[in-house]
């Protein structure tokens, strides 16, 4: 589904991506692990077409996308959706208007059909009868699900998740994880997730890749990741990076260590 070769990107004179190589198979859930600030979100935004690389290649469904704008994506039949870390809902619009934003502007469908599609996508993420609510009236978990419904309205082949459980309590985070798994099974969507939440990562991943120093240092199944001899990866899994440890409570460090 996705082939990435020698992807490079510098931001503010700092080389963030230094030659990323990665393959993502159709229908799989691939989790990108890495420390905060390692370039995970930058990498994801390249796959979404929001950033253009300095060099390298991204091929989706056999089409090179690195120089395509959004309309060209559509013309080529490339449907990629992204769930942003902060949900990125429009505060001034209600749930129905947020979820239907794309089809209201670009589909040309009659209003009755647009309303049906909005309701259908909300039901896919276990939300009903909230179309008239504004984002500020919803919990963080509900906002995430509304944003996910908005992404699904385009019937994507590839779903990108940028830290989908950040800022959520453990119960709500687990509900989002279950939703990701359920959508993958029901819709067969290829999913690419960037996260540093190890509990979530090991629950949802079919495969994992560790982004370190601008390259994919290790990749494999969850069991292979746990057993990897790579010292940097093992330090990440154990939460023993000094700067990360300063920002993690003892409870969170113990939670991370459970997955080693």
Protein backbone atom coordinates (compact mmCIF):
# COMPACT_ATOMS: atom_id res chain seq x y z
CA UNK A 1 0.00 0.00 0.00
CA UNK A 2 2.78 2.46 0.97
CA UNK A 3 6.45 2.41 -0.05
CA UNK A 4 8.82 5.04 1.38
CA UNK A 5 12.41 5.34 0.23
CA UNK A 6 15.23 7.60 1.50
CA UNK A 7 12.84 10.27 2.82
CA UNK A 8 14.72 13.36 3.99
CA UNK A 9 13.54 16.61 5.54
CA UNK A 10 15.22 19.53 7.33
CA UNK A 11 13.33 22.09 9.40
CA UNK A 12 14.98 25.32 10.57
CA UNK A 13 18.34 23.98 9.38
CA UNK A 14 17.97 20.82 11.48
CA UNK A 15 17.86 17.50 9.63
CA UNK A 16 14.81 15.74 11.07
CA UNK A 17 14.38 12.85 8.64
CA UNK A 18 17.68 11.44 7.45
CA UNK A 19 16.68 8.74 5.01
CA UNK A 20 13.55 6.94 6.18
CA UNK A 21 12.77 3.64 4.45
CA UNK A 22 9.53 1.82 5.21
CA UNK A 23 6.90 -0.45 3.65
CA UNK A 24 3.30 -0.65 4.84
CA UNK A 25 1.15 -3.54 3.64
CA UNK A 26 -2.51 -3.17 2.72
CA UNK A 27 -4.83 -3.64 5.68
CA UNK A 28 -2.16 -3.67 8.38
CA UNK A 29 -1.76 -1.46 11.44
CA UNK A 30 1.80 -0.17 11.60
CA UNK A 31 2.85 1.80 14.69
CA UNK A 32 5.76 4.24 14.56
CA UNK A 33 7.46 4.52 17.95
CA UNK A 34 9.92 7.17 19.02
CA UNK A 35 10.80 9.81 21.56
CA UNK A 36 9.01 13.15 21.66
CA UNK A 37 10.59 15.42 19.06
CA UNK A 38 12.15 12.60 17.04
CA UNK A 39 10.20 13.48 13.88
CA UNK A 40 7.23 11.08 14.09
CA UNK A 41 4.62 13.73 13.33
CA UNK A 42 6.81 15.28 10.63
CA UNK A 43 7.05 11.88 9.01
CA UNK A 44 3.28 11.32 9.21
CA UNK A 45 2.54 14.70 7.63
CA UNK A 46 4.71 13.74 4.66
CA UNK A 47 2.58 10.63 4.11
CA UNK A 48 -0.54 12.82 4.38
CA UNK A 49 0.85 15.18 1.76
CA UNK A 50 0.94 18.13 4.18
CA UNK A 51 4.75 18.38 4.02
CA UNK A 52 6.96 18.03 0.95
CA UNK A 53 10.30 16.24 1.44
CA UNK A 54 13.67 17.67 0.55
CA UNK A 55 14.32 14.39 -1.24
CA UNK A 56 13.07 10.84 -1.34
CA UNK A 57 10.00 9.01 -2.50
CA UNK A 58 6.55 8.15 -1.12
CA UNK A 59 4.46 5.80 -3.26
CA UNK A 60 0.85 5.04 -2.30
CA UNK A 61 -1.13 2.46 -4.30
CA UNK A 62 1.54 2.65 -6.98
CA UNK A 63 1.39 6.45 -7.31
CA UNK A 64 4.26 8.77 -6.38
CA UNK A 65 2.66 11.41 -4.15
CA UNK A 66 5.54 13.62 -3.00
CA UNK A 67 4.73 16.39 -5.50
CA UNK A 68 0.94 16.06 -5.62
CA UNK A 69 -1.44 18.62 -4.17
CA UNK A 70 -4.72 17.57 -2.52
CA UNK A 71 -6.82 17.79 -5.69
CA UNK A 72 -4.31 15.61 -7.54
CA UNK A 73 -4.61 13.06 -4.74
CA UNK A 74 -8.33 12.83 -5.48
CA UNK A 75 -7.79 12.65 -9.25
CA UNK A 76 -5.34 9.77 -8.79
CA UNK A 77 -7.75 7.89 -6.51
CA UNK A 78 -5.51 8.32 -3.44
CA UNK A 79 -7.64 8.65 -0.32
CA UNK A 80 -5.63 9.39 2.81
CA UNK A 81 -7.18 10.75 6.01
CA UNK A 82 -5.50 11.93 9.21
CA UNK A 83 -6.62 12.14 12.82
CA UNK A 84 -4.67 15.00 14.39
CA UNK A 85 -3.34 14.88 17.92
CA UNK A 86 -5.61 17.73 19.07
CA UNK A 87 -8.58 16.51 16.96
CA UNK A 88 -8.56 19.87 15.05
CA UNK A 89 -12.33 20.32 15.08
CA UNK A 90 -13.80 23.64 14.00
CA UNK A 91 -15.00 25.32 17.20
CA UNK A 92 -17.64 27.40 15.44
CA UNK A 93 -19.26 24.39 13.73
CA UNK A 94 -21.46 21.76 15.31
CA UNK A 95 -20.76 18.03 15.09
CA UNK A 96 -22.84 17.56 11.95
CA UNK A 97 -21.02 20.42 10.20
CA UNK A 98 -17.61 19.19 11.34
CA UNK A 99 -18.14 15.61 10.18
CA UNK A 100 -19.76 16.69 6.92
CA UNK A 101 -17.26 19.46 6.18
CA UNK A 102 -15.65 17.71 3.21
CA UNK A 103 -18.76 16.36 1.53
CA UNK A 104 -20.67 19.61 2.05
CA UNK A 105 -18.06 21.43 -0.02
CA UNK A 106 -16.84 18.91 -2.55
CA UNK A 107 -19.28 16.04 -3.04
CA UNK A 108 -22.25 17.67 -4.77
CA UNK A 109 -24.55 15.23 -2.99
CA UNK A 110 -28.08 16.30 -1.97
CA UNK A 111 -28.46 17.41 1.65
CA UNK A 112 -30.46 14.33 2.64
CA UNK A 113 -27.68 12.02 1.44
CA UNK A 114 -25.01 14.11 3.17
CA UNK A 115 -26.94 13.90 6.45
CA UNK A 116 -27.24 10.13 6.04
CA UNK A 117 -23.49 9.76 5.54
CA UNK A 118 -22.72 11.91 8.59
CA UNK A 119 -25.02 9.80 10.75
CA UNK A 120 -23.49 6.60 9.36
CA UNK A 121 -19.93 7.68 10.16
CA UNK A 122 -20.88 8.84 13.65
CA UNK A 123 -22.45 5.45 14.32
CA UNK A 124 -19.22 3.78 13.15
CA UNK A 125 -17.43 5.51 16.03
CA UNK A 126 -20.26 4.77 18.50
CA UNK A 127 -21.78 8.26 18.60
CA UNK A 128 -25.48 8.98 18.14
CA UNK A 129 -27.79 11.98 18.42
CA UNK A 130 -25.04 14.55 19.03
CA UNK A 131 -25.11 16.31 15.63
CA UNK A 132 -26.14 19.69 17.10
CA UNK A 133 -23.47 19.79 19.82
CA UNK A 134 -20.46 22.08 19.53
CA UNK A 135 -16.96 20.67 20.22
CA UNK A 136 -16.66 22.50 23.57
CA UNK A 137 -19.71 20.56 24.79
CA UNK A 138 -17.97 17.21 24.25
CA UNK A 139 -15.42 15.28 26.29
CA UNK A 140 -11.91 14.77 24.93
CA UNK A 141 -12.71 11.20 23.93
CA UNK A 142 -15.87 12.25 22.11
CA UNK A 143 -13.96 14.97 20.26
CA UNK A 144 -11.46 12.34 19.09
CA UNK A 145 -14.29 10.15 17.80
CA UNK A 146 -15.99 13.06 16.02
CA UNK A 147 -12.66 13.88 14.35
CA UNK A 148 -12.31 10.23 13.36
CA UNK A 149 -15.83 10.22 11.88
CA UNK A 150 -14.87 13.31 9.87
CA UNK A 151 -11.84 11.44 8.53
CA UNK A 152 -13.91 8.37 7.63
CA UNK A 153 -16.40 10.42 5.61
CA UNK A 154 -13.90 10.39 2.71
CA UNK A 155 -13.84 6.56 2.65
CA UNK A 156 -10.03 6.49 3.02
CA UNK A 157 -7.74 3.67 1.92
CA UNK A 158 -5.13 4.85 4.43
CA UNK A 159 -5.82 6.22 7.92
CA UNK A 160 -3.10 8.18 9.71
CA UNK A 161 -3.23 8.68 13.47
CA UNK A 162 -1.06 11.32 15.18
CA UNK A 163 -0.82 10.44 18.90
CA UNK A 164 -4.48 9.30 19.06
CA UNK A 165 -4.53 8.71 22.84
CA UNK A 166 -2.58 11.76 24.01
CA UNK A 167 -4.37 13.68 26.75
CA UNK A 168 -6.93 10.96 27.40
CA UNK A 169 -7.47 9.05 30.63
CA UNK A 170 -6.59 5.30 30.50
CA UNK A 171 -10.21 4.14 30.10
CA UNK A 172 -10.94 6.57 27.26
CA UNK A 173 -7.58 5.81 25.63
CA UNK A 174 -8.41 2.11 25.68
CA UNK A 175 -11.78 2.83 24.06
CA UNK A 176 -9.97 4.66 21.23
CA UNK A 177 -7.60 1.69 20.84
CA UNK A 178 -10.55 -0.69 20.57
CA UNK A 179 -12.14 1.60 18.00
CA UNK A 180 -8.97 1.59 15.88
CA UNK A 181 -8.91 -2.21 15.95
CA UNK A 182 -12.62 -2.47 15.17
CA UNK A 183 -12.40 -0.08 12.20
CA UNK A 184 -9.39 -1.96 10.86
CA UNK A 185 -11.29 -5.26 11.01
CA UNK A 186 -14.57 -3.92 9.62
CA UNK A 187 -13.29 -1.55 6.96
CA UNK A 188 -9.87 -3.11 6.16
CA UNK A 189 -8.27 0.33 6.31
CA UNK A 190 -4.48 0.48 6.26
CA UNK A 191 -3.50 2.32 9.43
CA UNK A 192 -0.30 4.17 10.25
CA UNK A 193 -0.04 5.37 13.86
CA UNK A 194 2.64 7.50 15.51
CA UNK A 195 2.75 7.37 19.29
CA UNK A 196 4.95 7.19 22.36
CA UNK A 197 2.13 5.52 24.35
CA UNK A 198 3.48 1.99 24.64
CA UNK A 199 0.34 0.49 26.17
CA UNK A 200 -1.65 1.62 23.14
CA UNK A 201 1.08 0.71 20.67
CA UNK A 202 1.39 -2.90 21.82
CA UNK A 203 -2.38 -3.33 21.91
CA UNK A 204 -3.15 -2.25 18.34
CA UNK A 205 -0.01 -2.92 16.29
CA UNK A 206 0.39 -5.66 13.72
CA UNK A 207 3.92 -4.36 13.15
CA UNK A 208 6.05 -1.64 14.73
CA UNK A 209 8.90 0.58 13.62
CA UNK A 210 11.24 2.57 15.87
CA UNK A 211 12.21 6.00 14.54
CA UNK A 212 15.53 7.16 16.00
CA UNK A 213 18.08 9.74 14.84
CA UNK A 214 16.04 10.38 11.69
CA UNK A 215 15.88 6.78 10.41
CA UNK A 216 13.90 3.62 11.06
CA UNK A 217 16.32 1.84 13.39
CA UNK A 218 14.28 -1.30 14.12
CA UNK A 219 11.07 -2.79 12.78
CA UNK A 220 9.15 -6.00 13.35
CA UNK A 221 6.19 -7.58 15.09
CA UNK A 222 5.43 -6.51 18.69
CA UNK A 223 7.19 -9.63 19.97
CA UNK A 224 10.23 -8.92 17.78
CA UNK A 225 10.33 -5.33 19.04
CA UNK A 226 10.27 -6.50 22.66
CA UNK A 227 13.10 -8.97 21.97
CA UNK A 228 15.24 -6.59 19.90
CA UNK A 229 18.87 -6.28 21.04
CA UNK A 230 18.94 -2.59 20.04
CA UNK A 231 19.98 -0.77 23.22
CA UNK A 232 18.37 2.55 22.28
CA UNK A 233 15.05 0.87 21.62
CA UNK A 234 15.21 -1.02 24.91
CA UNK A 235 15.95 2.20 26.78
CA UNK A 236 12.91 3.75 25.12
CA UNK A 237 10.71 0.78 26.04
CA UNK A 238 11.87 0.91 29.65
CA UNK A 239 11.38 4.68 29.87
CA UNK A 240 14.99 5.18 30.94
CA UNK A 241 15.82 8.19 28.77
CA UNK A 242 16.83 10.85 31.29
CA UNK A 243 14.89 13.69 29.67
CA UNK A 244 11.80 11.53 29.23
CA UNK A 245 11.98 10.31 32.81
CA UNK A 246 11.85 13.87 34.10
CA UNK A 247 8.48 14.32 32.41
CA UNK A 248 6.99 10.96 33.38
CA UNK A 249 5.43 10.17 36.70
CA UNK A 250 6.53 7.02 38.48
CA UNK A 251 3.13 5.51 37.71
CA UNK A 252 3.52 6.12 33.98
CA UNK A 253 7.06 4.71 33.99
CA UNK A 254 5.77 1.53 35.63
CA UNK A 255 2.96 1.37 33.07
CA UNK A 256 5.51 1.66 30.22
CA UNK A 257 7.76 -0.97 31.75
CA UNK A 258 4.92 -3.51 31.74
CA UNK A 259 5.22 -3.81 27.98
CA UNK A 260 8.92 -4.67 27.86
